[in-house]
Amino acid sequence: MVHGTLRKMARREVEEWFWQVGSDLQRLSEEMHRYRPAIAPGKAWEPKVDVIEDERRIIIKAEIAGVRGEDIQLVYIPERHSILLRGHRHEEEYEDCERTNCYQLEIFYGPFQREVNLPDVAIQSDEIRASYRNGILLVQIPKQEQVTVRTVVIKKN
């Protein structure tokens, strides 16, 4: 039934339908995660990340708006060649606001943790640098410089 329906739809409609189904599944997953029982193990939330590579470095961009810089930790895990990003987003209480009802809650608060696997390239782990601005954490991981080995043949006279 679904296959026949998809065959009749134009390509653009199919792409839009898949996009909408994907969005709905992501929203459902987030809702289920948000309302899990308090005793259930696991993380409260995970930041979204981008991993980008250029000629000189690997760049990780993490979306962690509302997290104070002192509440962020980065750890390089050499055994798994990954970066562990963890921290805590605190919910601010507003003095002039007394909460009586909640109509929509989409922002996650509390501890977070995200392990980011790095591409399979040699890095300089002691040169990892990070900056945080406008809610985006930018981690720059320099690649190991390629060493070129050359053999020199010495001629005897």
N, C-alpha and C. Protein backbone atom coordinates (compact mmCIF):
# COMPACT_ATOMS: atom_id res chain seq x y z
N MET A 1 0.82 -1.19 0.00
CA MET A 1 0.00 0.00 0.00
C MET A 1 0.86 1.25 0.00
N VAL A 2 1.82 1.32 0.92
CA VAL A 2 2.68 2.49 0.98
C VAL A 2 3.51 2.61 -0.29
N HIS A 3 4.04 1.48 -0.79
CA HIS A 3 4.86 1.50 -1.99
C HIS A 3 4.07 2.05 -3.18
N GLY A 4 2.83 1.62 -3.33
CA GLY A 4 1.99 2.10 -4.42
C GLY A 4 1.70 3.58 -4.29
N THR A 5 1.49 4.04 -3.07
CA THR A 5 1.23 5.46 -2.83
C THR A 5 2.46 6.28 -3.19
N LEU A 6 3.65 5.79 -2.78
CA LEU A 6 4.88 6.53 -3.07
C LEU A 6 5.15 6.59 -4.57
N ARG A 7 4.78 5.52 -5.30
CA ARG A 7 5.01 5.49 -6.74
C ARG A 7 4.20 6.59 -7.43
N LYS A 8 3.02 6.89 -6.94
CA LYS A 8 2.15 7.88 -7.57
C LYS A 8 2.56 9.31 -7.22
N MET A 9 3.31 9.48 -6.14
CA MET A 9 3.71 10.82 -5.71
C MET A 9 4.88 11.32 -6.55
N ALA A 10 4.93 12.62 -6.76
CA ALA A 10 6.07 13.22 -7.46
C ALA A 10 7.29 13.13 -6.55
N ARG A 11 8.45 13.17 -7.16
CA ARG A 11 9.70 13.03 -6.40
C ARG A 11 9.79 14.06 -5.28
N ARG A 12 9.45 15.29 -5.55
CA ARG A 12 9.51 16.35 -4.53
C ARG A 12 8.56 16.04 -3.38
N GLU A 13 7.38 15.55 -3.69
CA GLU A 13 6.43 15.19 -2.64
C GLU A 13 6.97 14.05 -1.78
N VAL A 14 7.64 13.09 -2.40
CA VAL A 14 8.22 11.97 -1.66
C VAL A 14 9.30 12.48 -0.72
N GLU A 15 10.18 13.36 -1.21
CA GLU A 15 11.23 13.91 -0.36
C GLU A 15 10.64 14.68 0.81
N GLU A 16 9.61 15.48 0.53
CA GLU A 16 8.95 16.23 1.62
C GLU A 16 8.29 15.27 2.60
N TRP A 17 7.68 14.20 2.13
CA TRP A 17 7.02 13.22 2.99
C TRP A 17 8.06 12.55 3.90
N PHE A 18 9.21 12.12 3.33
CA PHE A 18 10.27 11.51 4.15
C PHE A 18 10.81 12.51 5.18
N TRP A 19 10.98 13.77 4.76
CA TRP A 19 11.46 14.80 5.68
C TRP A 19 10.49 14.96 6.84
N GLN A 20 9.19 14.99 6.54
CA GLN A 20 8.18 15.16 7.58
C GLN A 20 8.14 13.96 8.51
N VAL A 21 8.22 12.75 7.95
CA VAL A 21 8.23 11.54 8.79
C VAL A 21 9.46 11.55 9.70
N GLY A 22 10.62 11.91 9.14
CA GLY A 22 11.84 11.98 9.95
C GLY A 22 11.71 13.00 11.07
N SER A 23 11.14 14.16 10.77
CA SER A 23 10.94 15.19 11.79
C SER A 23 9.99 14.70 12.87
N ASP A 24 8.92 14.03 12.46
CA ASP A 24 7.96 13.50 13.43
C ASP A 24 8.60 12.44 14.32
N LEU A 25 9.42 11.56 13.75
CA LEU A 25 10.10 10.53 14.54
C LEU A 25 11.08 11.15 15.53
N GLN A 26 11.81 12.19 15.09
CA GLN A 26 12.75 12.86 15.99
C GLN A 26 11.99 13.52 17.14
N ARG A 27 10.89 14.19 16.84
CA ARG A 27 10.09 14.84 17.87
C ARG A 27 9.53 13.80 18.85
N LEU A 28 9.06 12.66 18.34
CA LEU A 28 8.54 11.60 19.20
C LEU A 28 9.64 11.06 20.10
N SER A 29 10.83 10.85 19.53
CA SER A 29 11.96 10.36 20.32
C SER A 29 12.31 11.33 21.44
N GLU A 30 12.33 12.63 21.12
CA GLU A 30 12.63 13.64 22.15
C GLU A 30 11.55 13.66 23.23
N GLU A 31 10.29 13.53 22.83
CA GLU A 31 9.19 13.51 23.81
C GLU A 31 9.31 12.31 24.74
N MET A 32 9.61 11.14 24.17
CA MET A 32 9.75 9.94 24.99
C MET A 32 10.94 10.08 25.94
N HIS A 33 12.02 10.67 25.44
CA HIS A 33 13.21 10.86 26.26
C HIS A 33 12.92 11.84 27.41
N ARG A 34 12.17 12.88 27.10
CA ARG A 34 11.88 13.92 28.09
C ARG A 34 11.02 13.38 29.23
N TYR A 35 10.09 12.49 28.93
CA TYR A 35 9.15 12.02 29.94
C TYR A 35 9.49 10.65 30.49
N ARG A 36 10.76 10.23 30.33
CA ARG A 36 11.15 8.94 30.88
C ARG A 36 11.01 9.00 32.40
N PRO A 37 10.82 7.87 33.05
CA PRO A 37 10.72 7.89 34.50
C PRO A 37 11.99 8.45 35.14
N ALA A 38 11.84 9.15 36.25
CA ALA A 38 12.97 9.79 36.91
C ALA A 38 14.01 8.77 37.35
N ILE A 39 13.61 7.52 37.60
CA ILE A 39 14.57 6.53 38.07
C ILE A 39 15.30 5.85 36.92
N ALA A 40 14.89 6.14 35.70
CA ALA A 40 15.54 5.50 34.54
C ALA A 40 16.96 6.04 34.38
N PRO A 41 17.91 5.16 34.11
CA PRO A 41 19.28 5.63 33.92
C PRO A 41 19.42 6.34 32.58
N GLY A 42 20.46 7.12 32.47
CA GLY A 42 20.74 7.75 31.18
C GLY A 42 21.01 9.23 31.33
N LYS A 43 21.31 9.84 30.21
CA LYS A 43 21.64 11.25 30.19
C LYS A 43 20.36 12.06 30.07
N ALA A 44 20.41 13.29 30.54
CA ALA A 44 19.25 14.16 30.43
C ALA A 44 19.08 14.66 28.99
N TRP A 45 20.18 15.02 28.36
CA TRP A 45 20.11 15.49 26.97
C TRP A 45 21.49 15.43 26.34
N GLU A 46 21.53 15.49 25.03
CA GLU A 46 22.78 15.49 24.28
C GLU A 46 22.79 16.68 23.34
N PRO A 47 23.87 17.45 23.32
CA PRO A 47 23.93 18.56 22.37
C PRO A 47 24.11 18.05 20.94
N LYS A 48 23.64 18.80 20.00
CA LYS A 48 23.84 18.47 18.59
C LYS A 48 25.25 18.93 18.21
N VAL A 49 25.93 18.13 17.38
CA VAL A 49 27.30 18.46 17.00
C VAL A 49 27.51 18.30 15.51
N ASP A 50 28.46 19.06 14.99
CA ASP A 50 28.97 18.91 13.62
C ASP A 50 30.44 18.56 13.75
N VAL A 51 30.92 17.65 12.91
CA VAL A 51 32.34 17.32 12.85
C VAL A 51 32.80 17.59 11.42
N ILE A 52 33.79 18.47 11.30
CA ILE A 52 34.26 18.93 10.00
C ILE A 52 35.77 18.74 9.95
N GLU A 53 36.28 18.37 8.80
CA GLU A 53 37.73 18.20 8.64
C GLU A 53 38.21 19.07 7.50
N ASP A 54 39.33 19.75 7.72
CA ASP A 54 39.99 20.45 6.62
C ASP A 54 41.42 19.93 6.54
N GLU A 55 42.27 20.59 5.79
CA GLU A 55 43.63 20.09 5.57
C GLU A 55 44.45 20.06 6.86
N ARG A 56 44.21 21.01 7.77
CA ARG A 56 45.06 21.16 8.95
C ARG A 56 44.45 20.64 10.26
N ARG A 57 43.13 20.48 10.29
CA ARG A 57 42.51 20.19 11.59
C ARG A 57 41.16 19.52 11.45
N ILE A 58 40.68 19.06 12.60
CA ILE A 58 39.31 18.58 12.74
C ILE A 58 38.60 19.61 13.61
N ILE A 59 37.40 19.96 13.23
CA ILE A 59 36.63 20.96 13.96
C ILE A 59 35.34 20.32 14.45
N ILE A 60 35.06 20.50 15.73
CA ILE A 60 33.80 20.06 16.31
C ILE A 60 33.04 21.31 16.72
N LYS A 61 31.80 21.42 16.25
CA LYS A 61 30.92 22.52 16.66
C LYS A 61 29.77 21.89 17.43
N ALA A 62 29.56 22.36 18.66
CA ALA A 62 28.49 21.82 19.50
C ALA A 62 27.54 22.94 19.89
N GLU A 63 26.26 22.66 19.78
CA GLU A 63 25.22 23.63 20.11
C GLU A 63 24.85 23.45 21.58
N ILE A 64 25.32 24.36 22.44
CA ILE A 64 25.06 24.23 23.88
C ILE A 64 24.66 25.59 24.48
N ALA A 65 23.71 26.24 23.85
CA ALA A 65 23.26 27.55 24.32
C ALA A 65 22.79 27.48 25.76
N GLY A 66 23.12 28.51 26.51
CA GLY A 66 22.68 28.60 27.89
C GLY A 66 23.57 27.90 28.89
N VAL A 67 24.67 27.33 28.43
CA VAL A 67 25.61 26.65 29.33
C VAL A 67 26.75 27.62 29.62
N ARG A 68 27.08 27.79 30.89
CA ARG A 68 28.19 28.67 31.25
C ARG A 68 29.51 27.98 30.91
N GLY A 69 30.49 28.75 30.50
CA GLY A 69 31.79 28.21 30.12
C GLY A 69 32.43 27.36 31.21
N GLU A 70 32.27 27.75 32.46
CA GLU A 70 32.87 26.99 33.56
C GLU A 70 32.16 25.66 33.80
N ASP A 71 31.01 25.46 33.17
CA ASP A 71 30.27 24.20 33.32
C ASP A 71 30.51 23.23 32.17
N ILE A 72 31.55 23.49 31.35
CA ILE A 72 31.85 22.64 30.18
C ILE A 72 33.18 21.93 30.42
N GLN A 73 33.22 20.64 30.10
CA GLN A 73 34.46 19.85 30.17
C GLN A 73 34.68 19.14 28.84
N LEU A 74 35.93 19.11 28.41
CA LEU A 74 36.33 18.37 27.22
C LEU A 74 37.42 17.39 27.62
N VAL A 75 37.29 16.14 27.19
CA VAL A 75 38.29 15.12 27.50
C VAL A 75 38.58 14.34 26.22
N TYR A 76 39.87 14.21 25.90
CA TYR A 76 40.26 13.37 24.77
C TYR A 76 40.46 11.95 25.30
N ILE A 77 39.83 10.97 24.65
CA ILE A 77 39.94 9.56 25.05
C ILE A 77 40.76 8.85 23.97
N PRO A 78 42.07 8.65 24.20
CA PRO A 78 42.91 8.08 23.15
C PRO A 78 42.54 6.65 22.77
N GLU A 79 42.06 5.85 23.73
CA GLU A 79 41.70 4.45 23.42
C GLU A 79 40.59 4.35 22.39
N ARG A 80 39.71 5.34 22.37
CA ARG A 80 38.59 5.31 21.41
C ARG A 80 38.72 6.40 20.35
N HIS A 81 39.81 7.19 20.42
CA HIS A 81 40.03 8.29 19.48
C HIS A 81 38.77 9.15 19.38
N SER A 82 38.36 9.64 20.56
CA SER A 82 37.13 10.43 20.61
C SER A 82 37.28 11.57 21.61
N ILE A 83 36.38 12.51 21.50
CA ILE A 83 36.30 13.64 22.43
C ILE A 83 35.02 13.48 23.24
N LEU A 84 35.14 13.56 24.55
CA LEU A 84 33.97 13.51 25.44
C LEU A 84 33.66 14.94 25.84
N LEU A 85 32.46 15.37 25.52
CA LEU A 85 31.96 16.70 25.85
C LEU A 85 30.91 16.53 26.94
N ARG A 86 31.12 17.17 28.07
CA ARG A 86 30.10 17.07 29.12
C ARG A 86 29.98 18.39 29.85
N GLY A 87 28.85 18.56 30.49
CA GLY A 87 28.61 19.79 31.21
C GLY A 87 27.24 19.79 31.85
N HIS A 88 26.76 20.99 32.13
CA HIS A 88 25.49 21.14 32.83
C HIS A 88 24.83 22.46 32.41
N ARG A 89 23.56 22.39 32.04
CA ARG A 89 22.80 23.61 31.76
C ARG A 89 21.83 23.80 32.92
N HIS A 90 21.98 24.93 33.60
CA HIS A 90 21.13 25.23 34.75
C HIS A 90 19.89 25.99 34.31
N GLU A 91 18.77 25.63 34.88
CA GLU A 91 17.54 26.36 34.59
C GLU A 91 17.50 27.58 35.48
N GLU A 92 17.33 28.73 34.88
CA GLU A 92 17.29 29.97 35.64
C GLU A 92 15.87 30.25 36.10
N GLU A 93 15.76 30.66 37.33
CA GLU A 93 14.47 31.07 37.88
C GLU A 93 14.36 32.59 37.73
N TYR A 94 13.23 33.05 37.26
CA TYR A 94 13.03 34.47 37.08
C TYR A 94 12.25 35.01 38.27
N GLU A 95 12.76 36.09 38.87
CA GLU A 95 12.20 36.64 40.09
C GLU A 95 10.75 37.10 39.92
N ASP A 96 10.44 37.70 38.80
CA ASP A 96 9.11 38.26 38.61
C ASP A 96 8.14 37.27 37.96
N CYS A 97 8.50 35.99 37.93
CA CYS A 97 7.66 35.00 37.26
C CYS A 97 7.33 33.88 38.24
N GLU A 98 6.07 33.71 38.52
CA GLU A 98 5.63 32.61 39.36
C GLU A 98 4.91 31.60 38.47
N ARG A 99 5.47 30.42 38.35
CA ARG A 99 4.96 29.42 37.43
C ARG A 99 3.67 28.81 37.97
N THR A 100 2.60 28.93 37.21
CA THR A 100 1.34 28.30 37.59
C THR A 100 0.97 27.18 36.64
N ASN A 101 1.30 27.35 35.36
CA ASN A 101 1.03 26.32 34.36
C ASN A 101 2.19 26.25 33.39
N CYS A 102 2.40 25.08 32.80
CA CYS A 102 3.39 24.91 31.74
C CYS A 102 2.65 24.45 30.50
N TYR A 103 2.81 25.17 29.43
CA TYR A 103 2.12 24.83 28.20
C TYR A 103 3.03 24.19 27.17
N GLN A 104 4.31 24.47 27.29
CA GLN A 104 5.26 23.88 26.34
C GLN A 104 6.63 23.90 26.98
N LEU A 105 7.29 22.74 27.00
CA LEU A 105 8.64 22.62 27.56
C LEU A 105 9.51 21.88 26.54
N GLU A 106 10.39 22.61 25.86
CA GLU A 106 11.24 22.00 24.85
C GLU A 106 12.72 22.13 25.14
N ILE A 107 13.10 22.96 26.09
CA ILE A 107 14.50 23.17 26.39
C ILE A 107 14.92 22.21 27.48
N PHE A 108 15.99 21.45 27.21
CA PHE A 108 16.49 20.49 28.19
C PHE A 108 17.45 21.17 29.15
N TYR A 109 17.34 20.82 30.41
CA TYR A 109 18.23 21.33 31.45
C TYR A 109 18.86 20.16 32.17
N GLY A 110 19.93 20.44 32.90
CA GLY A 110 20.59 19.41 33.67
C GLY A 110 21.88 18.99 33.02
N PRO A 111 22.43 17.86 33.48
CA PRO A 111 23.72 17.41 32.94
C PRO A 111 23.57 16.88 31.52
N PHE A 112 24.65 17.00 30.76
CA PHE A 112 24.69 16.42 29.42
C PHE A 112 26.04 15.79 29.20
N GLN A 113 26.06 14.88 28.25
CA GLN A 113 27.30 14.21 27.88
C GLN A 113 27.17 13.75 26.44
N ARG A 114 28.23 13.92 25.67
CA ARG A 114 28.23 13.48 24.28
C ARG A 114 29.64 13.07 23.90
N GLU A 115 29.79 11.84 23.44
CA GLU A 115 31.09 11.38 22.97
C GLU A 115 31.10 11.48 21.45
N VAL A 116 32.12 12.15 20.94
CA VAL A 116 32.22 12.41 19.50
C VAL A 116 33.41 11.62 18.96
N ASN A 117 33.14 10.67 18.08
CA ASN A 117 34.22 9.90 17.45
C ASN A 117 34.90 10.76 16.40
N LEU A 118 36.23 10.73 16.42
CA LEU A 118 37.00 11.52 15.48
C LEU A 118 37.33 10.70 14.24
N PRO A 119 37.53 11.38 13.10
CA PRO A 119 37.95 10.66 11.89
C PRO A 119 39.28 9.96 12.15
N ASP A 120 39.56 8.95 11.38
CA ASP A 120 40.75 8.13 11.57
C ASP A 120 41.98 8.82 10.99
N VAL A 121 42.41 9.90 11.67
CA VAL A 121 43.63 10.62 11.31
C VAL A 121 44.40 10.90 12.59
N ALA A 122 45.72 10.98 12.47
CA ALA A 122 46.56 11.29 13.63
C ALA A 122 46.36 12.75 14.02
N ILE A 123 46.24 12.99 15.33
CA ILE A 123 46.02 14.36 15.82
C ILE A 123 47.10 14.73 16.83
N GLN A 124 47.16 16.01 17.14
CA GLN A 124 48.04 16.52 18.18
C GLN A 124 47.16 16.80 19.41
N SER A 125 46.96 15.80 20.25
CA SER A 125 46.01 15.93 21.36
C SER A 125 46.41 17.01 22.36
N ASP A 126 47.70 17.31 22.48
CA ASP A 126 48.13 18.34 23.43
C ASP A 126 47.91 19.75 22.88
N GLU A 127 47.46 19.87 21.65
CA GLU A 127 47.22 21.17 21.02
C GLU A 127 45.72 21.45 20.80
N ILE A 128 44.84 20.68 21.40
CA ILE A 128 43.40 20.90 21.24
C ILE A 128 43.02 22.22 21.89
N ARG A 129 42.25 23.02 21.17
CA ARG A 129 41.81 24.33 21.66
C ARG A 129 40.30 24.44 21.50
N ALA A 130 39.68 25.19 22.42
CA ALA A 130 38.24 25.37 22.36
C ALA A 130 37.88 26.82 22.65
N SER A 131 36.80 27.27 22.02
CA SER A 131 36.25 28.60 22.31
C SER A 131 34.74 28.46 22.35
N TYR A 132 34.10 29.39 23.03
CA TYR A 132 32.65 29.32 23.23
C TYR A 132 32.06 30.70 23.03
N ARG A 133 31.16 30.81 22.04
CA ARG A 133 30.56 32.11 21.74
C ARG A 133 29.17 31.91 21.15
N ASN A 134 28.25 32.70 21.60
CA ASN A 134 26.87 32.69 21.10
C ASN A 134 26.23 31.31 21.15
N GLY A 135 26.53 30.54 22.20
CA GLY A 135 25.90 29.24 22.38
C GLY A 135 26.53 28.11 21.58
N ILE A 136 27.61 28.39 20.85
CA ILE A 136 28.30 27.37 20.05
C ILE A 136 29.70 27.15 20.63
N LEU A 137 29.98 25.89 20.97
CA LEU A 137 31.33 25.50 21.39
C LEU A 137 32.08 25.08 20.14
N LEU A 138 33.25 25.65 19.93
CA LEU A 138 34.08 25.35 18.77
C LEU A 138 35.37 24.71 19.27
N VAL A 139 35.58 23.45 18.92
CA VAL A 139 36.77 22.70 19.32
C VAL A 139 37.63 22.49 18.08
N GLN A 140 38.89 22.93 18.15
CA GLN A 140 39.82 22.77 17.02
C GLN A 140 40.90 21.78 17.42
N ILE A 141 41.02 20.73 16.64
CA ILE A 141 41.96 19.65 16.91
C ILE A 141 42.95 19.58 15.76
N PRO A 142 44.18 20.03 15.99
CA PRO A 142 45.17 20.01 14.89
C PRO A 142 45.54 18.58 14.51
N LYS A 143 45.72 18.39 13.21
CA LYS A 143 46.19 17.09 12.72
C LYS A 143 47.70 17.00 12.92
N GLN A 144 48.15 15.79 13.05
CA GLN A 144 49.59 15.52 13.12
C GLN A 144 50.17 15.83 11.74
N GLU A 145 51.27 16.54 11.73
CA GLU A 145 51.91 16.83 10.44
C GLU A 145 52.46 15.55 9.85
N GLN A 146 52.29 15.42 8.55
CA GLN A 146 52.80 14.24 7.86
C GLN A 146 54.32 14.31 7.80
N VAL A 147 54.95 13.24 8.17
CA VAL A 147 56.40 13.17 8.11
C VAL A 147 56.77 12.43 6.84
N THR A 148 57.59 13.06 6.04
CA THR A 148 58.03 12.43 4.80
C THR A 148 59.40 11.83 5.04
N VAL A 149 59.52 10.56 4.79
CA VAL A 149 60.80 9.87 4.96
C VAL A 149 61.42 9.69 3.58
N ARG A 150 62.63 10.16 3.46
CA ARG A 150 63.34 10.01 2.20
C ARG A 150 64.61 9.21 2.43
N THR A 151 64.91 8.39 1.50
CA THR A 151 66.15 7.61 1.55
C THR A 151 67.17 8.30 0.66
N VAL A 152 68.31 8.56 1.24
CA VAL A 152 69.37 9.19 0.48
C VAL A 152 70.46 8.14 0.24
N VAL A 153 70.81 7.97 -0.99
CA VAL A 153 71.85 7.00 -1.35
C VAL A 153 73.15 7.78 -1.51
N ILE A 154 74.13 7.34 -0.76
CA ILE A 154 75.45 8.00 -0.83
C ILE A 154 76.32 7.17 -1.76
N LYS A 155 76.87 7.82 -2.76
CA LYS A 155 77.73 7.14 -3.73
C LYS A 155 79.16 7.13 -3.20
N LYS A 156 79.80 6.01 -3.34
CA LYS A 156 81.21 5.91 -2.95
C LYS A 156 82.07 6.35 -4.11
N ASN A 157 83.12 7.03 -3.81
CA ASN A 157 84.05 7.46 -4.86
C ASN A 157 85.18 6.49 -5.01
